[in-house]
Amino acid sequence: MQVVRLADAKAYEAPGHFGCRTLRLQGFDASGAKAFHVGLSHFLPAGGCEHSSSPIEKVYVVTEGEVTIVTDAGEATLGPYDSIHLAPDEARSIENRTNRPASMLTILPHPPPEP
């Protein structure tokens, strides 16, 4: 068992994010999780993430506030405990269109090892 307390979670840089603070809760340097990592993102009003894609699938779970996920197929606004799955290579952007902060868990598999 490996507990990571929020008070001990380390910040990390998430590429393309703005108006955002990201914390690693599990995986990589936070714990021994080998197959996935879990992050917690706090988005300020007008904060978000640029439109981009990556070859790994993602799951987002909003815990507080509201964020809008924009994909090439449309958009979805998520509130507390709403979640979304994004397929590998599915481009998305994240927008906090409100005047209140929003928080979201991010669950992603670790990238495959390079050959």
PDB file of N, CA and C in Angstrom:
ATOM      1  N   MET A   1       0.852  -1.172   0.000  1.00  0.00           N
ATOM      2  CA  MET A   1       0.000   0.000   0.000  1.00  0.00           C
ATOM      3  C   MET A   1       0.897   1.235   0.000  1.00  0.00           C
ATOM      4  N   GLN A   2       0.530   2.196  -0.822  1.00  0.00           N
ATOM      5  CA  GLN A   2       1.305   3.422  -0.900  1.00  0.00           C
ATOM      6  C   GLN A   2       0.357   4.612  -0.914  1.00  0.00           C
ATOM      7  N   VAL A   3       0.357   5.368   0.177  1.00  0.00           N
ATOM      8  CA  VAL A   3      -0.518   6.528   0.335  1.00  0.00           C
ATOM      9  C   VAL A   3       0.231   7.777  -0.109  1.00  0.00           C
ATOM     10  N   VAL A   4      -0.412   8.606  -0.892  1.00  0.00           N
ATOM     11  CA  VAL A   4       0.118   9.917  -1.254  1.00  0.00           C
ATOM     12  C   VAL A   4      -0.865  10.951  -0.712  1.00  0.00           C
ATOM     13  N   ARG A   5      -0.423  11.717   0.251  1.00  0.00           N
ATOM     14  CA  ARG A   5      -1.255  12.769   0.831  1.00  0.00           C
ATOM     15  C   ARG A   5      -1.235  13.995  -0.076  1.00  0.00           C
ATOM     16  N   LEU A   6      -2.372  14.657  -0.193  1.00  0.00           N
ATOM     17  CA  LEU A   6      -2.450  15.850  -1.023  1.00  0.00           C
ATOM     18  C   LEU A   6      -1.384  16.865  -0.605  1.00  0.00           C
ATOM     19  N   ALA A   7      -1.153  16.993   0.689  1.00  0.00           N
ATOM     20  CA  ALA A   7      -0.147  17.945   1.180  1.00  0.00           C
ATOM     21  C   ALA A   7       1.255  17.621   0.674  1.00  0.00           C
ATOM     22  N   ASP A   8       1.496  16.352   0.304  1.00  0.00           N
ATOM     23  CA  ASP A   8       2.810  15.930  -0.168  1.00  0.00           C
ATOM     24  C   ASP A   8       2.903  15.812  -1.686  1.00  0.00           C
ATOM     25  N   ALA A   9       1.786  16.006  -2.392  1.00  0.00           N
ATOM     26  CA  ALA A   9       1.774  15.865  -3.852  1.00  0.00           C
ATOM     27  C   ALA A   9       2.666  16.929  -4.482  1.00  0.00           C
ATOM     28  N   LYS A  10       3.443  16.518  -5.471  1.00  0.00           N
ATOM     29  CA  LYS A  10       4.371  17.419  -6.152  1.00  0.00           C
ATOM     30  C   LYS A  10       3.745  17.977  -7.427  1.00  0.00           C
ATOM     31  N   ALA A  11       4.016  19.252  -7.669  1.00  0.00           N
ATOM     32  CA  ALA A  11       3.557  19.894  -8.899  1.00  0.00           C
ATOM     33  C   ALA A  11       4.362  19.365 -10.086  1.00  0.00           C
ATOM     34  N   TYR A  12       3.748  19.365 -11.257  1.00  0.00           N
ATOM     35  CA  TYR A  12       4.460  19.010 -12.482  1.00  0.00           C
ATOM     36  C   TYR A  12       3.962  19.911 -13.605  1.00  0.00           C
ATOM     37  N   GLU A  13       4.759  20.035 -14.640  1.00  0.00           N
ATOM     38  CA  GLU A  13       4.407  20.852 -15.793  1.00  0.00           C
ATOM     39  C   GLU A  13       3.634  20.012 -16.799  1.00  0.00           C
ATOM     40  N   ALA A  14       2.440  20.444 -17.114  1.00  0.00           N
ATOM     41  CA  ALA A  14       1.633  19.762 -18.125  1.00  0.00           C
ATOM     42  C   ALA A  14       1.727  20.585 -19.408  1.00  0.00           C
ATOM     43  N   PRO A  15       2.267  20.017 -20.478  1.00  0.00           N
ATOM     44  CA  PRO A  15       2.452  20.782 -21.711  1.00  0.00           C
ATOM     45  C   PRO A  15       1.142  21.381 -22.217  1.00  0.00           C
ATOM     46  N   GLY A  16       1.201  22.633 -22.651  1.00  0.00           N
ATOM     47  CA  GLY A  16       0.049  23.284 -23.260  1.00  0.00           C
ATOM     48  C   GLY A  16      -0.998  23.796 -22.292  1.00  0.00           C
ATOM     49  N   HIS A  17      -0.798  23.611 -21.004  1.00  0.00           N
ATOM     50  CA  HIS A  17      -1.761  24.072 -20.009  1.00  0.00           C
ATOM     51  C   HIS A  17      -1.454  25.518 -19.615  1.00  0.00           C
ATOM     52  N   PHE A  18      -2.493  26.271 -19.278  1.00  0.00           N
ATOM     53  CA  PHE A  18      -2.342  27.668 -18.864  1.00  0.00           C
ATOM     54  C   PHE A  18      -3.396  27.982 -17.799  1.00  0.00           C
ATOM     55  N   GLY A  19      -3.067  28.891 -16.900  1.00  0.00           N
ATOM     56  CA  GLY A  19      -3.985  29.204 -15.805  1.00  0.00           C
ATOM     57  C   GLY A  19      -4.326  27.961 -15.015  1.00  0.00           C
ATOM     58  N   CYS A  20      -3.316  27.133 -14.784  1.00  0.00           N
ATOM     59  CA  CYS A  20      -3.551  25.794 -14.233  1.00  0.00           C
ATOM     60  C   CYS A  20      -2.396  25.391 -13.330  1.00  0.00           C
ATOM     61  N   ARG A  21      -2.720  24.686 -12.265  1.00  0.00           N
ATOM     62  CA  ARG A  21      -1.721  24.071 -11.380  1.00  0.00           C
ATOM     63  C   ARG A  21      -1.991  22.576 -11.409  1.00  0.00           C
ATOM     64  N   THR A  22      -0.961  21.777 -11.689  1.00  0.00           N
ATOM     65  CA  THR A  22      -1.121  20.329 -11.789  1.00  0.00           C
ATOM     66  C   THR A  22      -0.292  19.636 -10.713  1.00  0.00           C
ATOM     67  N   LEU A  23      -0.897  18.628 -10.081  1.00  0.00           N
ATOM     68  CA  LEU A  23      -0.245  17.862  -9.025  1.00  0.00           C
ATOM     69  C   LEU A  23      -0.287  16.388  -9.378  1.00  0.00           C
ATOM     70  N   ARG A  24       0.799  15.670  -9.116  1.00  0.00           N
ATOM     71  CA  ARG A  24       0.856  14.235  -9.356  1.00  0.00           C
ATOM     72  C   ARG A  24       0.406  13.525  -8.086  1.00  0.00           C
ATOM     73  N   LEU A  25      -0.663  12.709  -8.190  1.00  0.00           N
ATOM     74  CA  LEU A  25      -1.170  11.962  -7.043  1.00  0.00           C
ATOM     75  C   LEU A  25      -0.675  10.531  -7.006  1.00  0.00           C
ATOM     76  N   GLN A  26      -0.527   9.903  -8.164  1.00  0.00           N
ATOM     77  CA  GLN A  26      -0.060   8.517  -8.267  1.00  0.00           C
ATOM     78  C   GLN A  26       0.740   8.361  -9.549  1.00  0.00           C
ATOM     79  N   GLY A  27       1.662   7.415  -9.538  1.00  0.00           N
ATOM     80  CA  GLY A  27       2.453   7.100 -10.723  1.00  0.00           C
ATOM     81  C   GLY A  27       3.686   7.978 -10.863  1.00  0.00           C
ATOM     82  N   PHE A  28       4.522   7.632 -11.809  1.00  0.00           N
ATOM     83  CA  PHE A  28       5.803   8.291 -12.055  1.00  0.00           C
ATOM     84  C   PHE A  28       6.557   8.465 -10.743  1.00  0.00           C
ATOM     85  N   ASP A  29       6.939   9.684 -10.380  1.00  0.00           N
ATOM     86  CA  ASP A  29       7.735   9.884  -9.170  1.00  0.00           C
ATOM     87  C   ASP A  29       6.888   9.960  -7.901  1.00  0.00           C
ATOM     88  N   ALA A  30       5.560   9.873  -8.008  1.00  0.00           N
ATOM     89  CA  ALA A  30       4.682   9.996  -6.836  1.00  0.00           C
ATOM     90  C   ALA A  30       4.458   8.661  -6.128  1.00  0.00           C
ATOM     91  N   SER A  31       4.462   7.562  -6.880  1.00  0.00           N
ATOM     92  CA  SER A  31       4.192   6.251  -6.283  1.00  0.00           C
ATOM     93  C   SER A  31       4.707   5.153  -7.201  1.00  0.00           C
ATOM     94  N   GLY A  32       4.509   3.922  -6.768  1.00  0.00           N
ATOM     95  CA  GLY A  32       4.971   2.779  -7.543  1.00  0.00           C
ATOM     96  C   GLY A  32       4.008   2.319  -8.627  1.00  0.00           C
ATOM     97  N   ALA A  33       2.929   3.037  -8.868  1.00  0.00           N
ATOM     98  CA  ALA A  33       1.989   2.645  -9.929  1.00  0.00           C
ATOM     99  C   ALA A  33       2.743   2.561 -11.257  1.00  0.00           C
ATOM    100  N   LYS A  34       2.653   1.418 -11.914  1.00  0.00           N
ATOM    101  CA  LYS A  34       3.418   1.177 -13.143  1.00  0.00           C
ATOM    102  C   LYS A  34       2.599   1.329 -14.425  1.00  0.00           C
ATOM    103  N   ALA A  35       1.289   1.091 -14.341  1.00  0.00           N
ATOM    104  CA  ALA A  35       0.476   1.057 -15.551  1.00  0.00           C
ATOM    105  C   ALA A  35      -0.203   2.389 -15.864  1.00  0.00           C
ATOM    106  N   PHE A  36      -0.322   3.273 -14.877  1.00  0.00           N
ATOM    107  CA  PHE A  36      -1.077   4.510 -15.075  1.00  0.00           C
ATOM    108  C   PHE A  36      -0.573   5.575 -14.108  1.00  0.00           C
ATOM    109  N   HIS A  37      -1.029   6.799 -14.349  1.00  0.00           N
ATOM    110  CA  HIS A  37      -0.775   7.864 -13.384  1.00  0.00           C
ATOM    111  C   HIS A  37      -2.051   8.685 -13.210  1.00  0.00           C
ATOM    112  N   VAL A  38      -2.157   9.303 -12.039  1.00  0.00           N
ATOM    113  CA  VAL A  38      -3.316  10.114 -11.690  1.00  0.00           C
ATOM    114  C   VAL A  38      -2.816  11.495 -11.297  1.00  0.00           C
ATOM    115  N   GLY A  39      -3.405  12.505 -11.903  1.00  0.00           N
ATOM    116  CA  GLY A  39      -3.064  13.880 -11.587  1.00  0.00           C
ATOM    117  C   GLY A  39      -4.296  14.625 -11.121  1.00  0.00           C
ATOM    118  N   LEU A  40      -4.060  15.752 -10.496  1.00  0.00           N
ATOM    119  CA  LEU A  40      -5.136  16.651 -10.085  1.00  0.00           C
ATOM    120  C   LEU A  40      -4.803  18.009 -10.672  1.00  0.00           C
ATOM    121  N   SER A  41      -5.703  18.526 -11.499  1.00  0.00           N
ATOM    122  CA  SER A  41      -5.499  19.820 -12.144  1.00  0.00           C
ATOM    123  C   SER A  41      -6.475  20.830 -11.568  1.00  0.00           C
ATOM    124  N   HIS A  42      -5.951  21.994 -11.198  1.00  0.00           N
ATOM    125  CA  HIS A  42      -6.780  23.102 -10.721  1.00  0.00           C
ATOM    126  C   HIS A  42      -6.729  24.193 -11.795  1.00  0.00           C
ATOM    127  N   PHE A  43      -7.884  24.513 -12.381  1.00  0.00           N
ATOM    128  CA  PHE A  43      -7.973  25.514 -13.447  1.00  0.00           C
ATOM    129  C   PHE A  43      -8.590  26.799 -12.907  1.00  0.00           C
ATOM    130  N   LEU A  44      -7.887  27.902 -13.083  1.00  0.00           N
ATOM    131  CA  LEU A  44      -8.445  29.205 -12.749  1.00  0.00           C
ATOM    132  C   LEU A  44      -9.485  29.599 -13.791  1.00  0.00           C
ATOM    133  N   PRO A  45     -10.329  30.596 -13.523  1.00  0.00           N
ATOM    134  CA  PRO A  45     -11.216  31.102 -14.568  1.00  0.00           C
ATOM    135  C   PRO A  45     -10.405  31.478 -15.813  1.00  0.00           C
ATOM    136  N   ALA A  46     -10.892  31.085 -16.962  1.00  0.00           N
ATOM    137  CA  ALA A  46     -10.247  31.283 -18.266  1.00  0.00           C
ATOM    138  C   ALA A  46      -9.003  30.404 -18.440  1.00  0.00           C
ATOM    139  N   GLY A  47      -8.713  29.524 -17.493  1.00  0.00           N
ATOM    140  CA  GLY A  47      -7.604  28.590 -17.637  1.00  0.00           C
ATOM    141  C   GLY A  47      -8.007  27.399 -18.482  1.00  0.00           C
ATOM    142  N   GLY A  48      -7.028  26.616 -18.888  1.00  0.00           N
ATOM    143  CA  GLY A  48      -7.349  25.433 -19.680  1.00  0.00           C
ATOM    144  C   GLY A  48      -6.125  24.786 -20.297  1.00  0.00           C
ATOM    145  N   CYS A  49      -6.355  24.178 -21.449  1.00  0.00           N
ATOM    146  CA  CYS A  49      -5.317  23.447 -22.169  1.00  0.00           C
ATOM    147  C   CYS A  49      -5.531  23.662 -23.663  1.00  0.00           C
ATOM    148  N   GLU A  50      -4.440  23.913 -24.366  1.00  0.00           N
ATOM    149  CA  GLU A  50      -4.509  24.104 -25.817  1.00  0.00           C
ATOM    150  C   GLU A  50      -5.018  22.841 -26.512  1.00  0.00           C
ATOM    151  N   HIS A  51      -5.585  23.025 -27.697  1.00  0.00           N
ATOM    152  CA  HIS A  51      -6.107  21.907 -28.488  1.00  0.00           C
ATOM    153  C   HIS A  51      -4.929  21.067 -28.990  1.00  0.00           C
ATOM    154  N   SER A  52      -4.895  19.808 -28.576  1.00  0.00           N
ATOM    155  CA  SER A  52      -3.815  18.911 -28.981  1.00  0.00           C
ATOM    156  C   SER A  52      -4.259  17.472 -28.770  1.00  0.00           C
ATOM    157  N   SER A  53      -3.443  16.556 -29.254  1.00  0.00           N
ATOM    158  CA  SER A  53      -3.734  15.133 -29.068  1.00  0.00           C
ATOM    159  C   SER A  53      -2.461  14.430 -28.629  1.00  0.00           C
ATOM    160  N   SER A  54      -2.642  13.207 -28.132  1.00  0.00           N
ATOM    161  CA  SER A  54      -1.508  12.356 -27.803  1.00  0.00           C
ATOM    162  C   SER A  54      -1.932  10.913 -28.083  1.00  0.00           C
ATOM    163  N   PRO A  55      -0.978   9.998 -28.207  1.00  0.00           N
ATOM    164  CA  PRO A  55      -1.322   8.620 -28.572  1.00  0.00           C
ATOM    165  C   PRO A  55      -1.867   7.782 -27.417  1.00  0.00           C
ATOM    166  N   ILE A  56      -2.135   8.381 -26.262  1.00  0.00           N
ATOM    167  CA  ILE A  56      -2.666   7.606 -25.136  1.00  0.00           C
ATOM    168  C   ILE A  56      -4.072   8.064 -24.790  1.00  0.00           C
ATOM    169  N   GLU A  57      -4.901   7.117 -24.344  1.00  0.00           N
ATOM    170  CA  GLU A  57      -6.254   7.463 -23.924  1.00  0.00           C
ATOM    171  C   GLU A  57      -6.218   8.190 -22.584  1.00  0.00           C
ATOM    172  N   LYS A  58      -7.304   8.913 -22.286  1.00  0.00           N
ATOM    173  CA  LYS A  58      -7.381   9.697 -21.060  1.00  0.00           C
ATOM    174  C   LYS A  58      -8.773   9.581 -20.465  1.00  0.00           C
ATOM    175  N   VAL A  59      -8.843   9.690 -19.142  1.00  0.00           N
ATOM    176  CA  VAL A  59     -10.115   9.834 -18.445  1.00  0.00           C
ATOM    177  C   VAL A  59      -9.997  11.065 -17.560  1.00  0.00           C
ATOM    178  N   TYR A  60     -10.981  11.938 -17.634  1.00  0.00           N
ATOM    179  CA  TYR A  60     -11.045  13.123 -16.780  1.00  0.00           C
ATOM    180  C   TYR A  60     -12.278  13.005 -15.899  1.00  0.00           C
ATOM    181  N   VAL A  61     -12.140  13.372 -14.625  1.00  0.00           N
ATOM    182  CA  VAL A  61     -13.258  13.398 -13.678  1.00  0.00           C
ATOM    183  C   VAL A  61     -13.230  14.759 -12.989  1.00  0.00           C
ATOM    184  N   VAL A  62     -14.261  15.562 -13.208  1.00  0.00           N
ATOM    185  CA  VAL A  62     -14.334  16.870 -12.557  1.00  0.00           C
ATOM    186  C   VAL A  62     -14.742  16.640 -11.101  1.00  0.00           C
ATOM    187  N   THR A  63     -14.030  17.287 -10.184  1.00  0.00           N
ATOM    188  CA  THR A  63     -14.356  17.151  -8.765  1.00  0.00           C
ATOM    189  C   THR A  63     -14.981  18.422  -8.196  1.00  0.00           C
ATOM    190  N   GLU A  64     -14.669  19.556  -8.789  1.00  0.00           N
ATOM    191  CA  GLU A  64     -15.243  20.833  -8.353  1.00  0.00           C
ATOM    192  C   GLU A  64     -15.364  21.755  -9.553  1.00  0.00           C
ATOM    193  N   GLY A  65     -16.388  22.602  -9.550  1.00  0.00           N
ATOM    194  CA  GLY A  65     -16.539  23.586 -10.609  1.00  0.00           C
ATOM    195  C   GLY A  65     -17.036  22.971 -11.895  1.00  0.00           C
ATOM    196  N   GLU A  66     -16.617  23.579 -13.009  1.00  0.00           N
ATOM    197  CA  GLU A  66     -17.118  23.174 -14.316  1.00  0.00           C
ATOM    198  C   GLU A  66     -16.039  23.417 -15.358  1.00  0.00           C
ATOM    199  N   VAL A  67     -15.812  22.442 -16.218  1.00  0.00           N
ATOM    200  CA  VAL A  67     -14.898  22.607 -17.352  1.00  0.00           C
ATOM    201  C   VAL A  67     -15.595  22.130 -18.621  1.00  0.00           C
ATOM    202  N   THR A  68     -15.180  22.704 -19.722  1.00  0.00           N
ATOM    203  CA  THR A  68     -15.696  22.297 -21.028  1.00  0.00           C
ATOM    204  C   THR A  68     -14.566  21.639 -21.793  1.00  0.00           C
ATOM    205  N   ILE A  69     -14.828  20.425 -22.278  1.00  0.00           N
ATOM    206  CA  ILE A  69     -13.878  19.685 -23.095  1.00  0.00           C
ATOM    207  C   ILE A  69     -14.336  19.842 -24.540  1.00  0.00           C
ATOM    208  N   VAL A  70     -13.441  20.340 -25.388  1.00  0.00           N
ATOM    209  CA  VAL A  70     -13.756  20.566 -26.797  1.00  0.00           C
ATOM    210  C   VAL A  70     -12.947  19.581 -27.634  1.00  0.00           C
ATOM    211  N   THR A  71     -13.644  18.782 -28.446  1.00  0.00           N
ATOM    212  CA  THR A  71     -12.976  17.865 -29.375  1.00  0.00           C
ATOM    213  C   THR A  71     -13.367  18.252 -30.786  1.00  0.00           C
ATOM    214  N   ASP A  72     -12.787  17.588 -31.763  1.00  0.00           N
ATOM    215  CA  ASP A  72     -13.141  17.869 -33.151  1.00  0.00           C
ATOM    216  C   ASP A  72     -14.584  17.466 -33.447  1.00  0.00           C
ATOM    217  N   ALA A  73     -15.163  16.599 -32.622  1.00  0.00           N
ATOM    218  CA  ALA A  73     -16.542  16.130 -32.820  1.00  0.00           C
ATOM    219  C   ALA A  73     -17.578  16.983 -32.090  1.00  0.00           C
ATOM    220  N   GLY A  74     -17.134  17.872 -31.186  1.00  0.00           N
ATOM    221  CA  GLY A  74     -18.080  18.691 -30.428  1.00  0.00           C
ATOM    222  C   GLY A  74     -17.512  19.049 -29.072  1.00  0.00           C
ATOM    223  N   GLU A  75     -18.396  19.387 -28.153  1.00  0.00           N
ATOM    224  CA  GLU A  75     -17.939  19.758 -26.822  1.00  0.00           C
ATOM    225  C   GLU A  75     -18.891  19.237 -25.766  1.00  0.00           C
ATOM    226  N   ALA A  76     -18.357  19.090 -24.552  1.00  0.00           N
ATOM    227  CA  ALA A  76     -19.142  18.632 -23.413  1.00  0.00           C
ATOM    228  C   ALA A  76     -18.715  19.445 -22.196  1.00  0.00           C
ATOM    229  N   THR A  77     -19.699  19.967 -21.481  1.00  0.00           N
ATOM    230  CA  THR A  77     -19.427  20.689 -20.241  1.00  0.00           C
ATOM    231  C   THR A  77     -19.663  19.729 -19.088  1.00  0.00           C
ATOM    232  N   LEU A  78     -18.655  19.595 -18.233  1.00  0.00           N
ATOM    233  CA  LEU A  78     -18.685  18.643 -17.129  1.00  0.00           C
ATOM    234  C   LEU A  78     -18.736  19.384 -15.799  1.00  0.00           C
ATOM    235  N   GLY A  79     -19.580  18.884 -14.899  1.00  0.00           N
ATOM    236  CA  GLY A  79     -19.663  19.390 -13.539  1.00  0.00           C
ATOM    237  C   GLY A  79     -19.148  18.347 -12.576  1.00  0.00           C
ATOM    238  N   PRO A  80     -19.309  18.590 -11.282  1.00  0.00           N
ATOM    239  CA  PRO A  80     -18.768  17.664 -10.283  1.00  0.00           C
ATOM    240  C   PRO A  80     -19.211  16.214 -10.498  1.00  0.00           C
ATOM    241  N   TYR A  81     -18.212  15.337 -10.536  1.00  0.00           N
ATOM    242  CA  TYR A  81     -18.333  13.884 -10.676  1.00  0.00           C
ATOM    243  C   TYR A  81     -18.788  13.437 -12.058  1.00  0.00           C
ATOM    244  N   ASP A  82     -18.875  14.374 -13.015  1.00  0.00           N
ATOM    245  CA  ASP A  82     -19.027  13.986 -14.413  1.00  0.00           C
ATOM    246  C   ASP A  82     -17.648  13.565 -14.911  1.00  0.00           C
ATOM    247  N   SER A  83     -17.636  12.645 -15.869  1.00  0.00           N
ATOM    248  CA  SER A  83     -16.358  12.177 -16.402  1.00  0.00           C
ATOM    249  C   SER A  83     -16.435  12.031 -17.909  1.00  0.00           C
ATOM    250  N   ILE A  84     -15.267  11.952 -18.517  1.00  0.00           N
ATOM    251  CA  ILE A  84     -15.189  11.800 -19.968  1.00  0.00           C
ATOM    252  C   ILE A  84     -13.997  10.906 -20.297  1.00  0.00           C
ATOM    253  N   HIS A  85     -14.160  10.075 -21.311  1.00  0.00           N
ATOM    254  CA  HIS A  85     -13.077   9.245 -21.842  1.00  0.00           C
ATOM    255  C   HIS A  85     -12.693   9.807 -23.196  1.00  0.00           C
ATOM    256  N   LEU A  86     -11.404   9.980 -23.416  1.00  0.00           N
ATOM    257  CA  LEU A  86     -10.881  10.424 -24.706  1.00  0.00           C
ATOM    258  C   LEU A  86     -10.008   9.318 -25.273  1.00  0.00           C
ATOM    259  N   ALA A  87     -10.283   8.942 -26.507  1.00  0.00           N
ATOM    260  CA  ALA A  87      -9.572   7.849 -27.164  1.00  0.00           C
ATOM    261  C   ALA A  87      -8.148   8.278 -27.538  1.00  0.00           C
ATOM    262  N   PRO A  88      -7.261   7.309 -27.767  1.00  0.00           N
ATOM    263  CA  PRO A  88      -5.925   7.657 -28.249  1.00  0.00           C
ATOM    264  C   PRO A  88      -6.025   8.519 -29.511  1.00  0.00           C
ATOM    265  N   ASP A  89      -5.184   9.534 -29.603  1.00  0.00           N
ATOM    266  CA  ASP A  89      -5.106  10.458 -30.744  1.00  0.00           C
ATOM    267  C   ASP A  89      -6.342  11.340 -30.915  1.00  0.00           C
ATOM    268  N   GLU A  90      -7.262  11.343 -29.959  1.00  0.00           N
ATOM    269  CA  GLU A  90      -8.426  12.235 -30.030  1.00  0.00           C
ATOM    270  C   GLU A  90      -8.012  13.613 -29.510  1.00  0.00           C
ATOM    271  N   ALA A  91      -8.018  14.598 -30.414  1.00  0.00           N
ATOM    272  CA  ALA A  91      -7.618  15.952 -30.026  1.00  0.00           C
ATOM    273  C   ALA A  91      -8.668  16.555 -29.105  1.00  0.00           C
ATOM    274  N   ARG A  92      -8.169  17.340 -28.121  1.00  0.00           N
ATOM    275  CA  ARG A  92      -9.076  17.986 -27.184  1.00  0.00           C
ATOM    276  C   ARG A  92      -8.445  19.268 -26.667  1.00  0.00           C
ATOM    277  N   SER A  93      -9.301  20.180 -26.247  1.00  0.00           N
ATOM    278  CA  SER A  93      -8.853  21.320 -25.454  1.00  0.00           C
ATOM    279  C   SER A  93      -9.728  21.355 -24.213  1.00  0.00           C
ATOM    280  N   ILE A  94      -9.240  22.038 -23.184  1.00  0.00           N
ATOM    281  CA  ILE A  94      -9.952  22.157 -21.919  1.00  0.00           C
ATOM    282  C   ILE A  94     -10.143  23.641 -21.657  1.00  0.00           C
ATOM    283  N   GLU A  95     -11.369  24.029 -21.264  1.00  0.00           N
ATOM    284  CA  GLU A  95     -11.656  25.432 -20.998  1.00  0.00           C
ATOM    285  C   GLU A  95     -12.459  25.571 -19.711  1.00  0.00           C
ATOM    286  N   ASN A  96     -12.012  26.451 -18.836  1.00  0.00           N
ATOM    287  CA  ASN A  96     -12.835  26.854 -17.697  1.00  0.00           C
ATOM    288  C   ASN A  96     -13.483  28.168 -18.114  1.00  0.00           C
ATOM    289  N   ARG A  97     -14.741  28.112 -18.517  1.00  0.00           N
ATOM    290  CA  ARG A  97     -15.465  29.279 -19.016  1.00  0.00           C
ATOM    291  C   ARG A  97     -16.202  30.027 -17.909  1.00  0.00           C
ATOM    292  N   THR A  98     -16.001  29.620 -16.681  1.00  0.00           N
ATOM    293  CA  THR A  98     -16.712  30.229 -15.561  1.00  0.00           C
ATOM    294  C   THR A  98     -15.807  31.218 -14.821  1.00  0.00           C
ATOM    295  N   ASN A  99     -16.377  31.892 -13.841  1.00  0.00           N
ATOM    296  CA  ASN A  99     -15.616  32.804 -12.995  1.00  0.00           C
ATOM    297  C   ASN A  99     -15.223  32.170 -11.673  1.00  0.00           C
ATOM    298  N   ARG A 100     -15.284  30.850 -11.610  1.00  0.00           N
ATOM    299  CA  ARG A 100     -14.889  30.112 -10.408  1.00  0.00           C
ATOM    300  C   ARG A 100     -13.805  29.095 -10.765  1.00  0.00           C
ATOM    301  N   PRO A 101     -12.918  28.767  -9.843  1.00  0.00           N
ATOM    302  CA  PRO A 101     -11.929  27.722 -10.107  1.00  0.00           C
ATOM    303  C   PRO A 101     -12.610  26.361 -10.321  1.00  0.00           C
ATOM    304  N   ALA A 102     -11.935  25.493 -11.032  1.00  0.00           N
ATOM    305  CA  ALA A 102     -12.425  24.131 -11.266  1.00  0.00           C
ATOM    306  C   ALA A 102     -11.280  23.157 -11.015  1.00  0.00           C
ATOM    307  N   SER A 103     -11.619  21.955 -10.549  1.00  0.00           N
ATOM    308  CA  SER A 103     -10.621  20.916 -10.293  1.00  0.00           C
ATOM    309  C   SER A 103     -11.026  19.637 -11.006  1.00  0.00           C
ATOM    310  N   MET A 104     -10.023  18.903 -11.491  1.00  0.00           N
ATOM    311  CA  MET A 104     -10.292  17.719 -12.296  1.00  0.00           C
ATOM    312  C   MET A 104      -9.198  16.678 -12.072  1.00  0.00           C
ATOM    313  N   LEU A 105      -9.601  15.432 -11.855  1.00  0.00           N
ATOM    314  CA  LEU A 105      -8.668  14.311 -11.834  1.00  0.00           C
ATOM    315  C   LEU A 105      -8.362  13.906 -13.263  1.00  0.00           C
ATOM    316  N   THR A 106      -7.114  13.556 -13.523  1.00  0.00           N
ATOM    317  CA  THR A 106      -6.719  13.049 -14.833  1.00  0.00           C
ATOM    318  C   THR A 106      -6.113  11.665 -14.629  1.00  0.00           C
ATOM    319  N   ILE A 107      -6.624  10.700 -15.361  1.00  0.00           N
ATOM    320  CA  ILE A 107      -6.140   9.320 -15.255  1.00  0.00           C
ATOM    321  C   ILE A 107      -5.660   8.911 -16.645  1.00  0.00           C
ATOM    322  N   LEU A 108      -4.377   8.561 -16.741  1.00  0.00           N
ATOM    323  CA  LEU A 108      -3.773   8.216 -18.031  1.00  0.00           C
ATOM    324  C   LEU A 108      -2.853   7.025 -17.867  1.00  0.00           C
ATOM    325  N   PRO A 109      -2.798   6.146 -18.868  1.00  0.00           N
ATOM    326  CA  PRO A 109      -1.810   5.074 -18.807  1.00  0.00           C
ATOM    327  C   PRO A 109      -0.417   5.677 -19.005  1.00  0.00           C
ATOM    328  N   HIS A 110       0.579   4.999 -18.482  1.00  0.00           N
ATOM    329  CA  HIS A 110       1.955   5.442 -18.742  1.00  0.00           C
ATOM    330  C   HIS A 110       2.244   5.227 -20.217  1.00  0.00           C
ATOM    331  N   PRO A 111       3.027   6.103 -20.821  1.00  0.00           N
ATOM    332  CA  PRO A 111       3.391   5.872 -22.224  1.00  0.00           C
ATOM    333  C   PRO A 111       4.205   4.594 -22.353  1.00  0.00           C
ATOM    334  N   PRO A 112       4.089   3.910 -23.482  1.00  0.00           N
ATOM    335  CA  PRO A 112       4.882   2.687 -23.654  1.00  0.00           C
ATOM    336  C   PRO A 112       6.372   3.015 -23.647  1.00  0.00           C
ATOM    337  N   PRO A 113       7.202   2.088 -23.147  1.00  0.00           N
ATOM    338  CA  PRO A 113       8.650   2.340 -23.145  1.00  0.00           C
ATOM    339  C   PRO A 113       9.165   2.505 -24.569  1.00  0.00           C
ATOM    340  N   GLU A 114      10.151   3.364 -24.709  1.00  0.00           N
ATOM    341  CA  GLU A 114      10.745   3.558 -26.029  1.00  0.00           C
ATOM    342  C   GLU A 114      11.672   2.388 -26.350  1.00  0.00           C
ATOM    343  N   PRO A 115      11.648   1.931 -27.620  1.00  0.00           N
ATOM    344  CA  PRO A 115      12.490   0.780 -27.988  1.00  0.00           C
ATOM    345  C   PRO A 115      13.964   1.079 -27.921  1.00  0.00           C
TER     346      PRO A 115
END
